[in-house]
């Protein structure tokens, strides 16, 4: 799948410390605030930023979360009572003009003096439901493909809001993020697509294992634990 990727201005950088969150008071770093000063970018993300559960957020493969600002505009008519604002989904980087259809897993960017690589899309979870007080939030984001994506840090450095995220290199045209996420979440039993994507090395091994299991069993795995939470009722 061919796509054109361009460099974009990063208009907001956001960071936050972990806080008690949800019905059990579990630590979460979803609450982010904008920062205007120069940020140090390490292999684990922005220095001073925190994540509550490193099994599913953060670490080298999910060091920085980028969320397109356009997605808030798309979500507003679906949730008219919610006032969306940059940082609402716990993102670290916000921009306008770069969407999932425009990037491929493996794409390399220069940001300030750091070098970043698109590593995977975000898998929305029940914490977004809690954050916005709507049990349909995570499911809607997944269904609409409004997920954003993560970077791994190839070279540490510094950057600030207002710097340009400069596109450098495309590793794979097969691993277009919109294509991968569409197959993963919106067309989950597309055999033809899965037979291609299962062998694309830029796709995370865990996701390729999901495709392998679907191909073998002919059925989709249960996502309710992630989307709804073990403590909540189905919607």
Protein backbone atom coordinates (compact mmCIF):
# COMPACT_ATOMS: atom_id res chain seq x y z
CA UNK A 1 0.00 0.00 0.00
CA UNK A 2 1.64 3.21 -1.19
CA UNK A 3 1.36 6.33 0.92
CA UNK A 4 3.02 9.72 1.06
CA UNK A 5 4.48 10.86 4.36
CA UNK A 6 5.41 14.43 5.08
CA UNK A 7 7.17 16.30 7.82
CA UNK A 8 4.87 18.05 10.30
CA UNK A 9 5.06 20.59 13.08
CA UNK A 10 4.68 19.16 16.58
CA UNK A 11 2.60 21.83 18.24
CA UNK A 12 2.38 20.31 21.73
CA UNK A 13 4.60 18.11 23.89
CA UNK A 14 3.00 16.59 26.97
CA UNK A 15 4.20 14.76 30.06
CA UNK A 16 2.82 13.60 33.38
CA UNK A 17 3.47 11.74 36.62
CA UNK A 18 1.51 8.67 37.66
CA UNK A 19 -1.61 9.18 39.79
CA UNK A 20 -4.19 6.83 41.33
CA UNK A 21 -6.77 6.07 38.68
CA UNK A 22 -9.92 4.03 38.19
CA UNK A 23 -12.06 2.07 40.67
CA UNK A 24 -9.06 0.38 42.26
CA UNK A 25 -6.80 3.42 42.37
CA UNK A 26 -4.24 1.83 40.10
CA UNK A 27 -1.33 4.07 39.08
CA UNK A 28 -1.72 5.67 35.65
CA UNK A 29 0.16 8.30 33.69
CA UNK A 30 -2.79 9.18 31.45
CA UNK A 31 -3.00 12.72 32.86
CA UNK A 32 -0.56 14.77 30.78
CA UNK A 33 0.15 18.50 30.78
CA UNK A 34 1.77 20.61 28.10
CA UNK A 35 5.42 21.56 28.45
CA UNK A 36 7.10 24.44 26.62
CA UNK A 37 10.69 23.85 27.68
CA UNK A 38 13.21 21.66 25.90
CA UNK A 39 12.54 17.99 26.65
CA UNK A 40 15.24 15.35 26.98
CA UNK A 41 14.34 12.28 24.88
CA UNK A 42 15.77 9.01 26.17
CA UNK A 43 15.39 5.43 24.96
CA UNK A 44 12.46 5.16 27.42
CA UNK A 45 10.73 8.33 26.24
CA UNK A 46 10.56 11.88 27.58
CA UNK A 47 12.66 12.30 30.70
CA UNK A 48 10.26 12.97 33.57
CA UNK A 49 7.24 11.33 31.94
CA UNK A 50 5.76 8.30 33.72
CA UNK A 51 3.54 5.31 32.88
CA UNK A 52 1.60 3.31 35.41
CA UNK A 53 1.70 -0.19 33.92
CA UNK A 54 4.86 -0.88 31.93
CA UNK A 55 3.41 -4.15 30.66
CA UNK A 56 1.12 -2.24 28.32
CA UNK A 57 2.48 1.33 28.17
CA UNK A 58 5.99 2.71 27.96
CA UNK A 59 9.24 0.81 27.65
CA UNK A 60 11.46 0.93 24.60
CA UNK A 61 8.79 -0.21 22.13
CA UNK A 62 6.18 2.30 23.36
CA UNK A 63 8.45 5.11 24.45
CA UNK A 64 6.47 8.03 23.00
CA UNK A 65 2.79 8.26 22.05
CA UNK A 66 1.76 10.47 19.11
CA UNK A 67 -1.92 11.37 18.71
CA UNK A 68 -3.26 13.42 15.78
CA UNK A 69 -5.26 16.44 16.86
CA UNK A 70 -7.77 15.81 14.06
CA UNK A 71 -9.05 12.76 15.94
CA UNK A 72 -10.57 14.92 18.65
CA UNK A 73 -12.57 16.74 15.96
CA UNK A 74 -13.76 13.37 14.62
CA UNK A 75 -14.82 12.18 18.05
CA UNK A 76 -16.64 15.32 19.12
CA UNK A 77 -19.91 14.62 17.21
CA UNK A 78 -19.96 11.07 18.63
CA UNK A 79 -19.56 12.32 22.21
CA UNK A 80 -21.14 15.81 22.19
CA UNK A 81 -21.22 16.12 25.99
CA UNK A 82 -17.45 15.66 26.34
CA UNK A 83 -15.03 18.56 25.99
CA UNK A 84 -11.97 17.11 24.29
CA UNK A 85 -8.60 18.80 24.58
CA UNK A 86 -5.03 17.99 23.59
CA UNK A 87 -3.57 15.50 26.05
CA UNK A 88 -6.90 13.85 26.77
CA UNK A 89 -5.71 10.45 25.61
CA UNK A 90 -2.40 10.60 27.44
CA UNK A 91 -0.37 11.42 24.35
CA UNK A 92 3.15 12.86 24.41
CA UNK A 93 3.09 14.49 20.97
CA UNK A 94 0.29 16.34 19.18
CA UNK A 95 0.20 17.49 15.58
CA UNK A 96 -2.09 18.29 12.66
CA UNK A 97 -1.52 16.83 9.20
CA UNK A 98 -0.18 13.34 9.90
CA UNK A 99 -2.59 10.42 10.27
CA UNK A 100 -2.40 6.62 10.49
CA UNK A 101 -2.86 6.35 6.73
CA UNK A 102 0.24 8.49 6.23
CA UNK A 103 2.72 6.42 8.24
CA UNK A 104 4.10 2.90 8.13
CA UNK A 105 5.53 0.83 10.94
CA UNK A 106 9.27 1.27 10.71
CA UNK A 107 9.13 4.87 9.43
CA UNK A 108 12.05 6.91 10.77
CA UNK A 109 11.79 10.59 11.75
CA UNK A 110 14.14 13.25 13.07
CA UNK A 111 12.70 15.23 15.96
CA UNK A 112 15.00 17.89 17.33
CA UNK A 113 18.28 16.04 17.84
CA UNK A 114 16.57 12.70 18.47
CA UNK A 115 15.72 10.00 15.94
CA UNK A 116 12.40 8.19 16.31
CA UNK A 117 10.88 5.12 14.61
CA UNK A 118 7.19 4.24 14.40
CA UNK A 119 6.90 0.97 16.35
CA UNK A 120 3.17 0.15 16.65
CA UNK A 121 -0.32 1.55 16.90
CA UNK A 122 -2.03 2.17 20.21
CA UNK A 123 -4.44 -0.44 21.53
CA UNK A 124 -7.19 1.55 23.30
CA UNK A 125 -8.19 0.23 26.71
CA UNK A 126 -10.82 0.66 29.42
CA UNK A 127 -8.88 3.48 31.06
CA UNK A 128 -10.19 5.79 28.35
CA UNK A 129 -13.72 4.84 29.39
CA UNK A 130 -12.92 5.82 32.97
CA UNK A 131 -11.15 8.99 31.89
CA UNK A 132 -14.16 10.30 29.98
CA UNK A 133 -16.97 8.63 31.91
CA UNK A 134 -18.29 6.75 28.89
CA UNK A 135 -18.14 2.96 28.57
CA UNK A 136 -18.19 3.16 24.77
CA UNK A 137 -15.07 5.31 24.41
CA UNK A 138 -12.39 2.65 23.90
CA UNK A 139 -14.58 0.58 21.57
CA UNK A 140 -15.42 3.63 19.49
CA UNK A 141 -11.81 4.69 19.13
CA UNK A 142 -10.85 1.19 18.05
CA UNK A 143 -13.78 0.85 15.63
CA UNK A 144 -13.10 4.24 14.04
CA UNK A 145 -9.34 3.66 13.83
CA UNK A 146 -8.53 6.80 15.84
CA UNK A 147 -5.70 5.24 17.83
CA UNK A 148 -2.50 7.15 17.23
CA UNK A 149 0.85 5.39 17.39
CA UNK A 150 4.03 4.81 19.37
CA UNK A 151 7.70 5.47 18.65
CA UNK A 152 10.82 3.69 19.74
CA UNK A 153 13.83 5.98 20.17
CA UNK A 154 16.73 5.12 17.87
CA UNK A 155 18.94 8.02 18.95
CA UNK A 156 18.50 10.02 22.14
CA UNK A 157 18.39 13.80 21.97
CA UNK A 158 16.34 16.92 22.77
CA UNK A 159 13.32 18.64 21.28
CA UNK A 160 10.64 21.18 22.13
CA UNK A 161 7.10 22.04 21.10
CA UNK A 162 7.19 23.84 17.77
CA UNK A 163 9.95 21.67 16.35
CA UNK A 164 9.38 19.82 13.09
CA UNK A 165 9.01 16.05 12.98
CA UNK A 166 11.04 15.43 9.84
CA UNK A 167 10.43 12.30 7.78
CA UNK A 168 13.69 10.52 6.93
CA UNK A 169 13.14 6.97 5.73
CA UNK A 170 10.51 4.32 4.98
CA UNK A 171 11.50 0.76 5.85
CA UNK A 172 8.38 -1.04 4.59
CA UNK A 173 5.43 -0.07 2.41
CA UNK A 174 3.56 -3.23 3.45
CA UNK A 175 3.23 -2.11 7.06
CA UNK A 176 1.03 0.93 6.52
CA UNK A 177 -0.41 1.66 9.95
CA UNK A 178 -3.98 2.20 8.80
CA UNK A 179 -3.85 -1.10 6.90
CA UNK A 180 -2.46 -3.04 9.86
CA UNK A 181 -4.88 -1.55 12.41
CA UNK A 182 -7.82 -2.05 10.04
CA UNK A 183 -7.03 -5.74 9.78
CA UNK A 184 -6.32 -6.05 13.48
CA UNK A 185 -9.52 -4.36 14.69
CA UNK A 186 -12.03 -3.59 11.91
CA UNK A 187 -11.72 -6.49 9.46
CA UNK A 188 -10.31 -9.13 11.81
CA UNK A 189 -10.97 -12.23 9.71
CA UNK A 190 -9.64 -10.97 6.38
CA UNK A 191 -7.64 -14.06 5.46
CA UNK A 192 -5.95 -12.54 2.43
CA UNK A 193 -4.67 -9.57 4.41
CA UNK A 194 -3.55 -11.65 7.38
CA UNK A 195 -1.62 -14.03 5.14
CA UNK A 196 0.41 -11.03 3.95
CA UNK A 197 0.78 -9.17 7.22
CA UNK A 198 1.78 -12.20 9.28
CA UNK A 199 5.14 -12.22 7.49
CA UNK A 200 5.90 -8.47 7.67
CA UNK A 201 8.79 -8.12 10.17
CA UNK A 202 7.99 -4.48 11.02
CA UNK A 203 4.72 -5.56 12.62
CA UNK A 204 5.14 -6.43 16.34
CA UNK A 205 5.56 -10.13 16.97
CA UNK A 206 2.59 -10.14 19.34
CA UNK A 207 0.31 -8.83 16.60
CA UNK A 208 1.65 -11.35 14.08
CA UNK A 209 0.90 -14.06 16.62
CA UNK A 210 -2.68 -12.79 16.76
CA UNK A 211 -2.92 -13.11 12.98
CA UNK A 212 -1.46 -16.65 13.17
CA UNK A 213 -4.05 -17.71 15.74
CA UNK A 214 -6.92 -16.20 13.77
CA UNK A 215 -5.76 -17.96 10.63
CA UNK A 216 -5.49 -21.26 12.48
CA UNK A 217 -8.76 -21.05 14.42
CA UNK A 218 -10.93 -18.94 12.14
CA UNK A 219 -12.12 -16.82 15.04
CA UNK A 220 -11.31 -13.53 16.76
CA UNK A 221 -9.89 -13.42 20.28
CA UNK A 222 -11.83 -11.88 23.18
CA UNK A 223 -10.92 -8.19 23.52
CA UNK A 224 -13.41 -7.34 26.28
CA UNK A 225 -10.84 -7.37 29.08
CA UNK A 226 -8.86 -4.63 27.38
CA UNK A 227 -11.77 -2.60 26.04
CA UNK A 228 -14.14 -2.84 28.99
CA UNK A 229 -12.03 -3.93 31.96
CA UNK A 230 -12.50 -6.91 34.22
CA UNK A 231 -14.40 -4.77 36.74
CA UNK A 232 -16.94 -3.37 34.26
CA UNK A 233 -20.03 -4.73 32.56
CA UNK A 234 -20.15 -5.12 28.80
CA UNK A 235 -21.73 -2.37 26.71
